[in-house]
């Protein structure tokens, strides 16, 4: 009874959601498909439109040919599995299936399967034998399993780490991504290997700082995601020392380049000055040679008044 009280509000809300979204309830013409993520609760909704408190109905999981595989839930005029009034419920569903008893007077005979697993996937029927015309409602339950990713560190160096995320048995529309601790998506290399009707996803990424990293796996069709976390420590001191060394090398190269440039410029200026002086000396020497050649002698030029007087012979 306590089990039913805990879930009757949830069942009512889920049934209301199905009705407002225009989902057709159980029909004989075809099966209603219900998709839920693994470990979530699954609601199989049926309403007969009249008081069902004194009725008899049974829920079964059936095989591809309609054969009974499991007894899921049975109700007979207030007697049912959960109050030990009826025997025969399959072990797989014991303690996991409930019906909102107070809704029976409104014709609601829906059941809620708690904590679903992949083994719960399959075909279900709800059979009414005491109606004026016996009626069967059909359902197909699809429990979509989103496999939990495996994360590991493949390689580490002084300033980085190579991380890998593996998702085995993923559905074709499964997405995987690496995220940093603050939720930012990281650029990663993805590889998908087909495996029958599933894929094996491998996602690798290089990280350069200490943080908690997440591999997030999601399925948009069922709005479900799972994640795995790994902590990475990168030697930030090594990274800082490396950056500092590169900065010092850069500054040193710049200074040496400037010194070399200054030396070259100084040599050019000095060479130009020597050339100017050489040209000036050459010009002075040329002028002196011109003066000497104009007097027709190689010796010094004498003043005629300084020559001694010679006697005149008769």
C-alpha atoms as a PDB file:
ATOM      1  CA  UNK A   1       0.000   0.000   0.000  1.00  0.00           C
ATOM      2  CA  UNK A   2       2.847   2.321   0.846  1.00  0.00           C
ATOM      3  CA  UNK A   3       4.474   1.405  -2.456  1.00  0.00           C
ATOM      4  CA  UNK A   4       1.340   2.514  -4.315  1.00  0.00           C
ATOM      5  CA  UNK A   5       1.002   5.790  -2.427  1.00  0.00           C
ATOM      6  CA  UNK A   6       4.574   6.741  -3.266  1.00  0.00           C
ATOM      7  CA  UNK A   7       3.915   6.441  -6.980  1.00  0.00           C
ATOM      8  CA  UNK A   8       0.285   7.294  -7.573  1.00  0.00           C
ATOM      9  CA  UNK A   9       1.054  11.000  -7.929  1.00  0.00           C
ATOM     10  CA  UNK A  10       3.840  10.265 -10.435  1.00  0.00           C
ATOM     11  CA  UNK A  11       1.575   7.952 -12.415  1.00  0.00           C
ATOM     12  CA  UNK A  12      -1.162  10.597 -12.569  1.00  0.00           C
ATOM     13  CA  UNK A  13       1.282  13.216 -13.807  1.00  0.00           C
ATOM     14  CA  UNK A  14       2.737  10.915 -16.448  1.00  0.00           C
ATOM     15  CA  UNK A  15      -0.723   9.890 -17.642  1.00  0.00           C
ATOM     16  CA  UNK A  16      -1.750  13.542 -17.836  1.00  0.00           C
ATOM     17  CA  UNK A  17       1.375  14.256 -19.852  1.00  0.00           C
ATOM     18  CA  UNK A  18       0.557  11.481 -22.314  1.00  0.00           C
ATOM     19  CA  UNK A  19      -3.015  12.672 -22.730  1.00  0.00           C
ATOM     20  CA  UNK A  20      -2.087  16.333 -23.221  1.00  0.00           C
ATOM     21  CA  UNK A  21       0.562  15.372 -25.770  1.00  0.00           C
ATOM     22  CA  UNK A  22      -2.015  13.513 -27.865  1.00  0.00           C
ATOM     23  CA  UNK A  23      -0.620  10.036 -27.267  1.00  0.00           C
ATOM     24  CA  UNK A  24      -3.178   7.366 -28.150  1.00  0.00           C
ATOM     25  CA  UNK A  25      -3.753   4.898 -25.357  1.00  0.00           C
ATOM     26  CA  UNK A  26      -3.801   1.122 -25.817  1.00  0.00           C
ATOM     27  CA  UNK A  27      -5.593   0.032 -28.959  1.00  0.00           C
ATOM     28  CA  UNK A  28      -6.345  -3.363 -30.431  1.00  0.00           C
ATOM     29  CA  UNK A  29      -5.436  -2.185 -33.917  1.00  0.00           C
ATOM     30  CA  UNK A  30      -1.761  -1.639 -33.089  1.00  0.00           C
ATOM     31  CA  UNK A  31       0.818  -1.399 -30.339  1.00  0.00           C
ATOM     32  CA  UNK A  32       1.599   1.838 -28.550  1.00  0.00           C
ATOM     33  CA  UNK A  33       5.359   2.359 -28.389  1.00  0.00           C
ATOM     34  CA  UNK A  34       6.810   3.665 -25.130  1.00  0.00           C
ATOM     35  CA  UNK A  35      10.488   4.676 -24.982  1.00  0.00           C
ATOM     36  CA  UNK A  36      12.300   5.335 -21.707  1.00  0.00           C
ATOM     37  CA  UNK A  37      15.960   5.606 -20.692  1.00  0.00           C
ATOM     38  CA  UNK A  38      17.386   2.703 -18.754  1.00  0.00           C
ATOM     39  CA  UNK A  39      16.857   2.919 -14.958  1.00  0.00           C
ATOM     40  CA  UNK A  40      13.875   5.275 -15.398  1.00  0.00           C
ATOM     41  CA  UNK A  41      10.219   4.401 -14.702  1.00  0.00           C
ATOM     42  CA  UNK A  42       7.984   3.310 -17.602  1.00  0.00           C
ATOM     43  CA  UNK A  43       4.253   4.062 -17.713  1.00  0.00           C
ATOM     44  CA  UNK A  44       2.036   1.809 -19.834  1.00  0.00           C
ATOM     45  CA  UNK A  45      -1.251   3.756 -20.028  1.00  0.00           C
ATOM     46  CA  UNK A  46      -4.676   2.156 -20.468  1.00  0.00           C
ATOM     47  CA  UNK A  47      -8.135   3.570 -19.799  1.00  0.00           C
ATOM     48  CA  UNK A  48     -11.432   1.744 -20.467  1.00  0.00           C
ATOM     49  CA  UNK A  49     -13.690   4.736 -19.812  1.00  0.00           C
ATOM     50  CA  UNK A  50     -15.713   3.257 -16.935  1.00  0.00           C
ATOM     51  CA  UNK A  51     -15.331   1.994 -13.358  1.00  0.00           C
ATOM     52  CA  UNK A  52     -12.877  -0.912 -13.247  1.00  0.00           C
ATOM     53  CA  UNK A  53     -12.810  -1.583  -9.496  1.00  0.00           C
ATOM     54  CA  UNK A  54     -14.823  -4.820  -9.846  1.00  0.00           C
ATOM     55  CA  UNK A  55     -13.160  -5.941 -13.068  1.00  0.00           C
ATOM     56  CA  UNK A  56     -10.509  -8.512 -13.842  1.00  0.00           C
ATOM     57  CA  UNK A  57      -7.485  -7.594 -15.966  1.00  0.00           C
ATOM     58  CA  UNK A  58      -3.967  -8.886 -16.378  1.00  0.00           C
ATOM     59  CA  UNK A  59      -0.762  -7.455 -17.756  1.00  0.00           C
ATOM     60  CA  UNK A  60       1.662  -9.801 -19.465  1.00  0.00           C
ATOM     61  CA  UNK A  61       4.947  -9.593 -21.297  1.00  0.00           C
ATOM     62  CA  UNK A  62       4.595 -11.644 -24.457  1.00  0.00           C
ATOM     63  CA  UNK A  63       6.877 -13.124 -27.084  1.00  0.00           C
ATOM     64  CA  UNK A  64       6.863 -12.397 -30.829  1.00  0.00           C
ATOM     65  CA  UNK A  65       4.022 -14.922 -31.357  1.00  0.00           C
ATOM     66  CA  UNK A  66       1.931 -13.698 -28.444  1.00  0.00           C
ATOM     67  CA  UNK A  67       3.052 -16.415 -26.048  1.00  0.00           C
ATOM     68  CA  UNK A  68       3.279 -15.402 -22.403  1.00  0.00           C
ATOM     69  CA  UNK A  69       6.820 -14.788 -21.217  1.00  0.00           C
ATOM     70  CA  UNK A  70       6.179 -13.073 -17.885  1.00  0.00           C
ATOM     71  CA  UNK A  71       3.245 -12.351 -15.607  1.00  0.00           C
ATOM     72  CA  UNK A  72       3.597  -8.617 -14.941  1.00  0.00           C
ATOM     73  CA  UNK A  73       0.505  -7.509 -12.999  1.00  0.00           C
ATOM     74  CA  UNK A  74      -2.893  -9.035 -12.263  1.00  0.00           C
ATOM     75  CA  UNK A  75      -5.990  -7.510 -10.678  1.00  0.00           C
ATOM     76  CA  UNK A  76      -9.202  -9.264  -9.683  1.00  0.00           C
ATOM     77  CA  UNK A  77     -11.827  -7.171  -7.868  1.00  0.00           C
ATOM     78  CA  UNK A  78      -9.406  -5.548  -5.382  1.00  0.00           C
ATOM     79  CA  UNK A  79      -7.031  -8.525  -5.229  1.00  0.00           C
ATOM     80  CA  UNK A  80      -3.632  -8.087  -6.847  1.00  0.00           C
ATOM     81  CA  UNK A  81       0.029  -9.067  -6.600  1.00  0.00           C
ATOM     82  CA  UNK A  82       1.117  -6.208  -4.358  1.00  0.00           C
ATOM     83  CA  UNK A  83      -1.289  -7.108  -1.508  1.00  0.00           C
ATOM     84  CA  UNK A  84      -0.400 -10.805  -1.748  1.00  0.00           C
ATOM     85  CA  UNK A  85      -3.914 -11.483  -2.950  1.00  0.00           C
ATOM     86  CA  UNK A  86      -2.831 -13.254  -6.125  1.00  0.00           C
ATOM     87  CA  UNK A  87       0.105 -15.572  -6.847  1.00  0.00           C
ATOM     88  CA  UNK A  88       2.069 -16.036 -10.046  1.00  0.00           C
ATOM     89  CA  UNK A  89       3.937 -12.770 -10.651  1.00  0.00           C
ATOM     90  CA  UNK A  90       7.281 -13.276 -12.421  1.00  0.00           C
ATOM     91  CA  UNK A  91      10.395 -12.694 -10.336  1.00  0.00           C
ATOM     92  CA  UNK A  92      11.609 -10.080 -12.812  1.00  0.00           C
ATOM     93  CA  UNK A  93       8.732  -7.754 -11.904  1.00  0.00           C
ATOM     94  CA  UNK A  94       8.213  -8.427  -8.202  1.00  0.00           C
ATOM     95  CA  UNK A  95       8.202  -5.203  -6.195  1.00  0.00           C
ATOM     96  CA  UNK A  96       8.627  -3.086  -9.342  1.00  0.00           C
ATOM     97  CA  UNK A  97       5.102  -2.793 -10.794  1.00  0.00           C
ATOM     98  CA  UNK A  98       2.284  -0.694  -9.376  1.00  0.00           C
ATOM     99  CA  UNK A  99      -1.205   0.493 -10.229  1.00  0.00           C
ATOM    100  CA  UNK A 100      -3.006   3.532  -8.825  1.00  0.00           C
ATOM    101  CA  UNK A 101      -5.960   1.888  -7.121  1.00  0.00           C
ATOM    102  CA  UNK A 102      -7.929   5.073  -6.542  1.00  0.00           C
ATOM    103  CA  UNK A 103      -7.905   5.672 -10.308  1.00  0.00           C
ATOM    104  CA  UNK A 104      -9.658   2.380 -11.052  1.00  0.00           C
ATOM    105  CA  UNK A 105     -13.073   3.952 -10.514  1.00  0.00           C
ATOM    106  CA  UNK A 106     -12.221   6.295 -13.391  1.00  0.00           C
ATOM    107  CA  UNK A 107     -11.275   3.385 -15.648  1.00  0.00           C
ATOM    108  CA  UNK A 108      -7.510   3.986 -15.365  1.00  0.00           C
ATOM    109  CA  UNK A 109      -5.771   0.597 -15.284  1.00  0.00           C
ATOM    110  CA  UNK A 110      -2.300   1.843 -16.237  1.00  0.00           C
ATOM    111  CA  UNK A 111       0.792   0.304 -14.664  1.00  0.00           C
ATOM    112  CA  UNK A 112       4.156   1.795 -13.755  1.00  0.00           C
ATOM    113  CA  UNK A 113       7.308  -0.333 -14.094  1.00  0.00           C
ATOM    114  CA  UNK A 114      10.016   1.074 -11.851  1.00  0.00           C
ATOM    115  CA  UNK A 115      13.760   1.182 -12.485  1.00  0.00           C
ATOM    116  CA  UNK A 116      13.618  -0.324 -15.961  1.00  0.00           C
ATOM    117  CA  UNK A 117      16.416  -2.408 -17.441  1.00  0.00           C
ATOM    118  CA  UNK A 118      17.185  -3.575 -20.960  1.00  0.00           C
ATOM    119  CA  UNK A 119      15.543  -6.918 -20.054  1.00  0.00           C
ATOM    120  CA  UNK A 120      12.198  -5.115 -19.701  1.00  0.00           C
ATOM    121  CA  UNK A 121      12.166  -4.195 -23.391  1.00  0.00           C
ATOM    122  CA  UNK A 122       9.572  -6.093 -25.375  1.00  0.00           C
ATOM    123  CA  UNK A 123       5.856  -6.472 -26.079  1.00  0.00           C
ATOM    124  CA  UNK A 124       3.154  -6.197 -23.414  1.00  0.00           C
ATOM    125  CA  UNK A 125      -0.583  -6.843 -23.370  1.00  0.00           C
ATOM    126  CA  UNK A 126      -3.357  -5.747 -21.048  1.00  0.00           C
ATOM    127  CA  UNK A 127      -6.289  -8.188 -21.287  1.00  0.00           C
ATOM    128  CA  UNK A 128      -9.860  -7.593 -20.053  1.00  0.00           C
ATOM    129  CA  UNK A 129     -11.931 -10.771 -19.973  1.00  0.00           C
ATOM    130  CA  UNK A 130     -15.054  -9.510 -18.167  1.00  0.00           C
ATOM    131  CA  UNK A 131     -15.986  -6.699 -20.476  1.00  0.00           C
ATOM    132  CA  UNK A 132     -19.117  -7.095 -22.562  1.00  0.00           C
ATOM    133  CA  UNK A 133     -16.686  -7.725 -25.345  1.00  0.00           C
ATOM    134  CA  UNK A 134     -13.224  -8.952 -24.194  1.00  0.00           C
ATOM    135  CA  UNK A 135     -10.551  -6.516 -25.167  1.00  0.00           C
ATOM    136  CA  UNK A 136      -6.745  -6.535 -25.391  1.00  0.00           C
ATOM    137  CA  UNK A 137      -4.445  -3.516 -25.412  1.00  0.00           C
ATOM    138  CA  UNK A 138      -0.959  -3.788 -26.907  1.00  0.00           C
ATOM    139  CA  UNK A 139       2.289  -2.045 -26.025  1.00  0.00           C
ATOM    140  CA  UNK A 140       5.891  -2.074 -27.135  1.00  0.00           C
ATOM    141  CA  UNK A 141       8.343  -0.995 -24.437  1.00  0.00           C
ATOM    142  CA  UNK A 142      11.774   0.150 -25.576  1.00  0.00           C
ATOM    143  CA  UNK A 143      14.263   0.653 -22.756  1.00  0.00           C
ATOM    144  CA  UNK A 144      17.068   2.629 -24.375  1.00  0.00           C
ATOM    145  CA  UNK A 145      20.381   1.853 -22.740  1.00  0.00           C
ATOM    146  CA  UNK A 146      22.969   4.621 -22.762  1.00  0.00           C
ATOM    147  CA  UNK A 147      26.203   2.837 -21.870  1.00  0.00           C
ATOM    148  CA  UNK A 148      28.385   4.514 -19.279  1.00  0.00           C
ATOM    149  CA  UNK A 149      31.647   5.731 -20.834  1.00  0.00           C
ATOM    150  CA  UNK A 150      35.089   4.534 -19.744  1.00  0.00           C
ATOM    151  CA  UNK A 151      37.755   7.218 -19.325  1.00  0.00           C
ATOM    152  CA  UNK A 152      41.529   6.849 -19.021  1.00  0.00           C
ATOM    153  CA  UNK A 153      44.855   8.676 -19.356  1.00  0.00           C
ATOM    154  CA  UNK A 154      46.816   7.269 -22.291  1.00  0.00           C
ATOM    155  CA  UNK A 155      49.977   9.346 -21.973  1.00  0.00           C
ATOM    156  CA  UNK A 156      51.454  12.207 -19.955  1.00  0.00           C
ATOM    157  CA  UNK A 157      54.382  14.574 -20.451  1.00  0.00           C
ATOM    158  CA  UNK A 158      55.732  17.490 -18.424  1.00  0.00           C
ATOM    159  CA  UNK A 159      53.114  19.889 -19.749  1.00  0.00           C
ATOM    160  CA  UNK A 160      50.204  17.862 -21.182  1.00  0.00           C
ATOM    161  CA  UNK A 161      48.111  14.685 -20.946  1.00  0.00           C
ATOM    162  CA  UNK A 162      46.337  12.583 -23.579  1.00  0.00           C
ATOM    163  CA  UNK A 163      42.863  11.443 -22.456  1.00  0.00           C
ATOM    164  CA  UNK A 164      40.628   8.808 -24.035  1.00  0.00           C
ATOM    165  CA  UNK A 165      36.923   8.047 -23.625  1.00  0.00           C
ATOM    166  CA  UNK A 166      35.430   4.750 -24.832  1.00  0.00           C
ATOM    167  CA  UNK A 167      31.705   4.057 -25.295  1.00  0.00           C
ATOM    168  CA  UNK A 168      31.028   0.398 -26.161  1.00  0.00           C
ATOM    169  CA  UNK A 169      27.652  -0.748 -27.465  1.00  0.00           C
ATOM    170  CA  UNK A 170      26.370   2.756 -28.223  1.00  0.00           C
ATOM    171  CA  UNK A 171      23.355   3.309 -30.459  1.00  0.00           C
ATOM    172  CA  UNK A 172      23.867   4.924 -33.838  1.00  0.00           C
ATOM    173  CA  UNK A 173      22.523   8.297 -32.687  1.00  0.00           C
ATOM    174  CA  UNK A 174      24.650   8.432 -29.539  1.00  0.00           C
ATOM    175  CA  UNK A 175      26.821  11.529 -29.162  1.00  0.00           C
ATOM    176  CA  UNK A 176      29.972  11.821 -27.060  1.00  0.00           C
ATOM    177  CA  UNK A 177      32.105  14.827 -26.134  1.00  0.00           C
ATOM    178  CA  UNK A 178      34.862  15.898 -23.740  1.00  0.00           C
ATOM    179  CA  UNK A 179      34.203  18.822 -21.404  1.00  0.00           C
ATOM    180  CA  UNK A 180      36.426  20.764 -19.038  1.00  0.00           C
ATOM    181  CA  UNK A 181      35.506  21.194 -15.390  1.00  0.00           C
ATOM    182  CA  UNK A 182      33.693  24.465 -16.140  1.00  0.00           C
ATOM    183  CA  UNK A 183      31.512  22.821 -18.809  1.00  0.00           C
ATOM    184  CA  UNK A 184      33.313  24.044 -21.926  1.00  0.00           C
ATOM    185  CA  UNK A 185      33.382  21.633 -24.844  1.00  0.00           C
ATOM    186  CA  UNK A 186      36.870  20.527 -25.929  1.00  0.00           C
ATOM    187  CA  UNK A 187      38.048  19.833 -29.455  1.00  0.00           C
ATOM    188  CA  UNK A 188      38.564  16.066 -29.618  1.00  0.00           C
ATOM    189  CA  UNK A 189      39.305  13.393 -32.200  1.00  0.00           C
ATOM    190  CA  UNK A 190      36.462  10.874 -32.600  1.00  0.00           C
ATOM    191  CA  UNK A 191      36.496   7.380 -34.087  1.00  0.00           C
ATOM    192  CA  UNK A 192      33.383   5.187 -34.620  1.00  0.00           C
ATOM    193  CA  UNK A 193      33.689   1.458 -35.243  1.00  0.00           C
ATOM    194  CA  UNK A 194      30.473  -0.380 -36.328  1.00  0.00           C
ATOM    195  CA  UNK A 195      29.452  -3.381 -34.184  1.00  0.00           C
ATOM    196  CA  UNK A 196      26.323  -5.105 -35.564  1.00  0.00           C
ATOM    197  CA  UNK A 197      23.501  -2.672 -34.745  1.00  0.00           C
ATOM    198  CA  UNK A 198      25.690  -0.618 -32.402  1.00  0.00           C
ATOM    199  CA  UNK A 199      28.910   1.378 -32.609  1.00  0.00           C
ATOM    200  CA  UNK A 200      32.068   1.575 -30.526  1.00  0.00           C
ATOM    201  CA  UNK A 201      32.982   5.225 -29.923  1.00  0.00           C
ATOM    202  CA  UNK A 202      36.526   6.328 -29.079  1.00  0.00           C
ATOM    203  CA  UNK A 203      37.197   9.981 -28.240  1.00  0.00           C
ATOM    204  CA  UNK A 204      40.694  11.362 -27.499  1.00  0.00           C
ATOM    205  CA  UNK A 205      41.826  14.841 -26.462  1.00  0.00           C
ATOM    206  CA  UNK A 206      45.033  16.597 -25.332  1.00  0.00           C
ATOM    207  CA  UNK A 207      44.792  18.765 -22.201  1.00  0.00           C
ATOM    208  CA  UNK A 208      47.392  21.187 -20.856  1.00  0.00           C
ATOM    209  CA  UNK A 209      46.143  22.187 -17.417  1.00  0.00           C
ATOM    210  CA  UNK A 210      45.158  20.594 -14.133  1.00  0.00           C
ATOM    211  CA  UNK A 211      41.375  20.057 -13.978  1.00  0.00           C
ATOM    212  CA  UNK A 212      38.500  17.574 -13.673  1.00  0.00           C
ATOM    213  CA  UNK A 213      37.479  16.460 -17.174  1.00  0.00           C
ATOM    214  CA  UNK A 214      34.142  14.881 -18.184  1.00  0.00           C
ATOM    215  CA  UNK A 215      33.244  12.552 -21.030  1.00  0.00           C
ATOM    216  CA  UNK A 216      29.527  13.153 -21.659  1.00  0.00           C
ATOM    217  CA  UNK A 217      27.435  10.627 -23.633  1.00  0.00           C
ATOM    218  CA  UNK A 218      23.934  11.670 -24.715  1.00  0.00           C
ATOM    219  CA  UNK A 219      20.923  10.402 -26.683  1.00  0.00           C
ATOM    220  CA  UNK A 220      18.734  13.198 -27.993  1.00  0.00           C
ATOM    221  CA  UNK A 221      15.765  10.972 -28.861  1.00  0.00           C
ATOM    222  CA  UNK A 222      15.179  10.051 -25.228  1.00  0.00           C
ATOM    223  CA  UNK A 223      16.706  13.190 -23.667  1.00  0.00           C
ATOM    224  CA  UNK A 224      19.124  11.114 -21.639  1.00  0.00           C
ATOM    225  CA  UNK A 225      22.824  11.463 -20.832  1.00  0.00           C
ATOM    226  CA  UNK A 226      25.491   9.871 -18.673  1.00  0.00           C
ATOM    227  CA  UNK A 227      29.044  10.949 -17.925  1.00  0.00           C
ATOM    228  CA  UNK A 228      32.338   9.795 -16.454  1.00  0.00           C
ATOM    229  CA  UNK A 229      34.913  12.036 -14.790  1.00  0.00           C
ATOM    230  CA  UNK A 230      38.688  11.884 -14.568  1.00  0.00           C
ATOM    231  CA  UNK A 231      41.104  14.139 -12.680  1.00  0.00           C
ATOM    232  CA  UNK A 232      44.287  15.272 -14.411  1.00  0.00           C
ATOM    233  CA  UNK A 233      47.323  16.956 -12.864  1.00  0.00           C
ATOM    234  CA  UNK A 234      49.635  18.820 -15.214  1.00  0.00           C
ATOM    235  CA  UNK A 235      52.907  20.221 -13.812  1.00  0.00           C
ATOM    236  CA  UNK A 236      52.090  23.901 -14.089  1.00  0.00           C
ATOM    237  CA  UNK A 237      55.564  24.817 -12.735  1.00  0.00           C
ATOM    238  CA  UNK A 238      57.150  22.996 -15.654  1.00  0.00           C
ATOM    239  CA  UNK A 239      54.857  24.841 -18.017  1.00  0.00           C
ATOM    240  CA  UNK A 240      55.673  28.181 -16.389  1.00  0.00           C
ATOM    241  CA  UNK A 241      59.425  27.440 -16.428  1.00  0.00           C
ATOM    242  CA  UNK A 242      59.184  26.467 -20.065  1.00  0.00           C
ATOM    243  CA  UNK A 243      57.291  29.652 -20.879  1.00  0.00           C
ATOM    244  CA  UNK A 244      59.788  31.719 -18.866  1.00  0.00           C
ATOM    245  CA  UNK A 245      62.726  30.098 -20.619  1.00  0.00           C
ATOM    246  CA  UNK A 246      61.202  30.802 -24.009  1.00  0.00           C
ATOM    247  CA  UNK A 247      60.619  34.425 -22.981  1.00  0.00           C
ATOM    248  CA  UNK A 248      64.241  34.824 -21.821  1.00  0.00           C
ATOM    249  CA  UNK A 249      65.522  33.253 -25.027  1.00  0.00           C
ATOM    250  CA  UNK A 250      63.349  35.619 -27.033  1.00  0.00           C
ATOM    251  CA  UNK A 251      64.541  38.700 -25.160  1.00  0.00           C
ATOM    252  CA  UNK A 252      68.188  37.584 -25.417  1.00  0.00           C
ATOM    253  CA  UNK A 253      67.847  37.028 -29.143  1.00  0.00           C
ATOM    254  CA  UNK A 254      66.325  40.484 -29.527  1.00  0.00           C
ATOM    255  CA  UNK A 255      69.123  42.150 -27.539  1.00  0.00           C
ATOM    256  CA  UNK A 256      71.845  40.307 -29.446  1.00  0.00           C
ATOM    257  CA  UNK A 257      70.218  41.257 -32.696  1.00  0.00           C
ATOM    258  CA  UNK A 258      70.097  44.910 -31.658  1.00  0.00           C
ATOM    259  CA  UNK A 259      73.777  44.833 -30.593  1.00  0.00           C
ATOM    260  CA  UNK A 260      74.817  43.259 -33.871  1.00  0.00           C
ATOM    261  CA  UNK A 261      72.844  45.840 -35.814  1.00  0.00           C
ATOM    262  CA  UNK A 262      74.461  48.675 -33.849  1.00  0.00           C
ATOM    263  CA  UNK A 263      77.925  47.208 -34.479  1.00  0.00           C
ATOM    264  CA  UNK A 264      77.280  46.959 -38.197  1.00  0.00           C
ATOM    265  CA  UNK A 265      76.018  50.539 -38.329  1.00  0.00           C
ATOM    266  CA  UNK A 266      79.073  51.731 -36.371  1.00  0.00           C
ATOM    267  CA  UNK A 267      81.406  49.960 -38.786  1.00  0.00           C
ATOM    268  CA  UNK A 268      79.606  51.491 -41.735  1.00  0.00           C
ATOM    269  CA  UNK A 269      79.883  54.976 -40.242  1.00  0.00           C
ATOM    270  CA  UNK A 270      83.566  54.461 -39.405  1.00  0.00           C
ATOM    271  CA  UNK A 271      84.327  53.171 -42.897  1.00  0.00           C
ATOM    272  CA  UNK A 272      82.550  56.134 -44.445  1.00  0.00           C
ATOM    273  CA  UNK A 273      84.574  58.572 -42.317  1.00  0.00           C
ATOM    274  CA  UNK A 274      87.870  56.936 -43.342  1.00  0.00           C
ATOM    275  CA  UNK A 275      86.866  57.206 -46.958  1.00  0.00           C
ATOM    276  CA  UNK A 276      86.044  60.897 -46.555  1.00  0.00           C
ATOM    277  CA  UNK A 277      89.413  61.607 -44.901  1.00  0.00           C
ATOM    278  CA  UNK A 278      91.225  59.643 -47.581  1.00  0.00           C
ATOM    279  CA  UNK A 279      89.500  61.599 -50.311  1.00  0.00           C
ATOM    280  CA  UNK A 280      90.378  64.874 -48.592  1.00  0.00           C
ATOM    281  CA  UNK A 281      94.087  63.959 -48.327  1.00  0.00           C
ATOM    282  CA  UNK A 282      94.128  62.915 -51.956  1.00  0.00           C
ATOM    283  CA  UNK A 283      92.667  66.246 -53.002  1.00  0.00           C
ATOM    284  CA  UNK A 284      95.320  68.234 -51.095  1.00  0.00           C
ATOM    285  CA  UNK A 285      98.123  66.178 -52.542  1.00  0.00           C
ATOM    286  CA  UNK A 286      96.821  66.663 -56.056  1.00  0.00           C
ATOM    287  CA  UNK A 287      96.690  70.426 -55.593  1.00  0.00           C
ATOM    288  CA  UNK A 288     100.327  70.483 -54.465  1.00  0.00           C
ATOM    289  CA  UNK A 289     101.448  68.516 -57.511  1.00  0.00           C
ATOM    290  CA  UNK A 290      99.685  70.970 -59.776  1.00  0.00           C
ATOM    291  CA  UNK A 291     101.556  73.911 -58.203  1.00  0.00           C
ATOM    292  CA  UNK A 292     104.921  72.231 -58.667  1.00  0.00           C
ATOM    293  CA  UNK A 293     104.375  71.388 -62.289  1.00  0.00           C
ATOM    294  CA  UNK A 294     103.412  74.973 -63.144  1.00  0.00           C
ATOM    295  CA  UNK A 295     106.953  76.238 -62.128  1.00  0.00           C
ATOM    296  CA  UNK A 296     108.761  73.731 -64.414  1.00  0.00           C
ATOM    297  CA  UNK A 297     111.092  72.471 -61.683  1.00  0.00           C
ATOM    298  CA  UNK A 298     111.156  69.883 -59.181  1.00  0.00           C
ATOM    299  CA  UNK A 299     112.935  72.133 -56.643  1.00  0.00           C
ATOM    300  CA  UNK A 300     111.676  75.092 -54.719  1.00  0.00           C
ATOM    301  CA  UNK A 301     110.881  78.334 -56.553  1.00  0.00           C
ATOM    302  CA  UNK A 302     113.429  81.142 -55.970  1.00  0.00           C
ATOM    303  CA  UNK A 303     112.991  84.887 -56.113  1.00  0.00           C
ATOM    304  CA  UNK A 304     115.237  86.517 -58.912  1.00  0.00           C
ATOM    305  CA  UNK A 305     116.095  89.383 -56.613  1.00  0.00           C
ATOM    306  CA  UNK A 306     117.882  86.961 -54.360  1.00  0.00           C
ATOM    307  CA  UNK A 307     120.335  85.859 -57.131  1.00  0.00           C
ATOM    308  CA  UNK A 308     123.961  87.357 -56.740  1.00  0.00           C
ATOM    309  CA  UNK A 309     125.178  89.928 -59.293  1.00  0.00           C
ATOM    310  CA  UNK A 310     127.704  88.641 -61.819  1.00  0.00           C
ATOM    311  CA  UNK A 311     130.405  90.941 -63.386  1.00  0.00           C
ATOM    312  CA  UNK A 312     130.011  91.880 -67.012  1.00  0.00           C
ATOM    313  CA  UNK A 313     133.030  91.084 -69.155  1.00  0.00           C
ATOM    314  CA  UNK A 314     134.162  93.488 -71.788  1.00  0.00           C
END
